[in-house]
């Protein structure tokens, strides 16, 4: 599960960093 959490964190950081207004996509 550690890797899953890492992927989730990276995904969120990517969306926030790219200024994505819809993190669901």
N, C-alpha and C. Protein backbone atom coordinates (compact mmCIF):
# COMPACT_ATOMS: atom_id res chain seq x y z
N UNK A 1 0.84 -1.21 0.00
CA UNK A 1 0.00 0.00 0.00
C UNK A 1 0.87 1.26 0.00
N UNK A 2 2.10 1.18 0.40
CA UNK A 2 2.98 2.36 0.43
C UNK A 2 3.09 2.94 -0.98
N UNK A 3 3.25 2.04 -1.96
CA UNK A 3 3.40 2.53 -3.35
C UNK A 3 2.10 3.18 -3.81
N UNK A 4 0.99 2.62 -3.40
CA UNK A 4 -0.30 3.21 -3.80
C UNK A 4 -0.42 4.62 -3.24
N UNK A 5 -0.03 4.79 -1.99
CA UNK A 5 -0.08 6.12 -1.37
C UNK A 5 0.84 7.07 -2.11
N UNK A 6 2.02 6.58 -2.46
CA UNK A 6 2.98 7.43 -3.18
C UNK A 6 2.39 7.87 -4.50
N UNK A 7 1.77 6.93 -5.23
CA UNK A 7 1.17 7.26 -6.52
C UNK A 7 0.06 8.29 -6.32
N UNK A 8 -0.72 8.11 -5.26
CA UNK A 8 -1.82 9.03 -4.99
C UNK A 8 -1.27 10.43 -4.72
N UNK A 9 -0.23 10.50 -3.89
CA UNK A 9 0.38 11.79 -3.55
C UNK A 9 0.95 12.44 -4.80
N UNK A 10 1.65 11.65 -5.60
CA UNK A 10 2.25 12.18 -6.83
C UNK A 10 1.14 12.66 -7.77
N UNK A 11 0.06 11.89 -7.85
CA UNK A 11 -1.05 12.26 -8.73
C UNK A 11 -1.66 13.58 -8.29
N UNK A 12 -1.91 13.72 -6.99
CA UNK A 12 -2.49 14.95 -6.46
C UNK A 12 -1.54 16.11 -6.70
N UNK A 13 -0.26 15.89 -6.41
CA UNK A 13 0.73 16.95 -6.60
C UNK A 13 0.79 17.36 -8.06
N UNK A 14 0.66 16.38 -8.95
CA UNK A 14 0.71 16.66 -10.39
C UNK A 14 -0.48 17.53 -10.79
N UNK A 15 -1.67 17.15 -10.32
CA UNK A 15 -2.88 17.92 -10.66
C UNK A 15 -2.79 19.33 -10.10
N UNK A 16 -2.37 19.44 -8.83
CA UNK A 16 -2.28 20.75 -8.19
C UNK A 16 -1.19 21.58 -8.85
N UNK A 17 -0.06 20.93 -9.16
CA UNK A 17 1.06 21.64 -9.77
C UNK A 17 0.71 22.14 -11.16
N UNK A 18 -0.08 21.36 -11.91
CA UNK A 18 -0.43 21.75 -13.27
C UNK A 18 -1.65 22.67 -13.26
N UNK A 19 -2.17 22.95 -12.06
CA UNK A 19 -3.30 23.86 -11.94
C UNK A 19 -4.56 23.26 -12.53
N UNK A 20 -4.70 21.94 -12.45
CA UNK A 20 -5.88 21.28 -13.01
C UNK A 20 -7.10 21.62 -12.14
N UNK A 21 -8.14 22.15 -12.75
CA UNK A 21 -9.32 22.54 -11.98
C UNK A 21 -10.18 21.32 -11.70
N UNK A 22 -9.98 20.22 -12.45
CA UNK A 22 -10.78 19.00 -12.24
C UNK A 22 -9.86 17.81 -12.04
N UNK A 23 -9.46 17.55 -10.80
CA UNK A 23 -8.54 16.44 -10.49
C UNK A 23 -9.15 15.07 -10.79
N UNK A 24 -10.45 15.03 -11.04
CA UNK A 24 -11.10 13.75 -11.32
C UNK A 24 -10.68 13.20 -12.67
N UNK A 25 -10.33 14.07 -13.60
CA UNK A 25 -9.96 13.62 -14.95
C UNK A 25 -8.46 13.38 -15.01
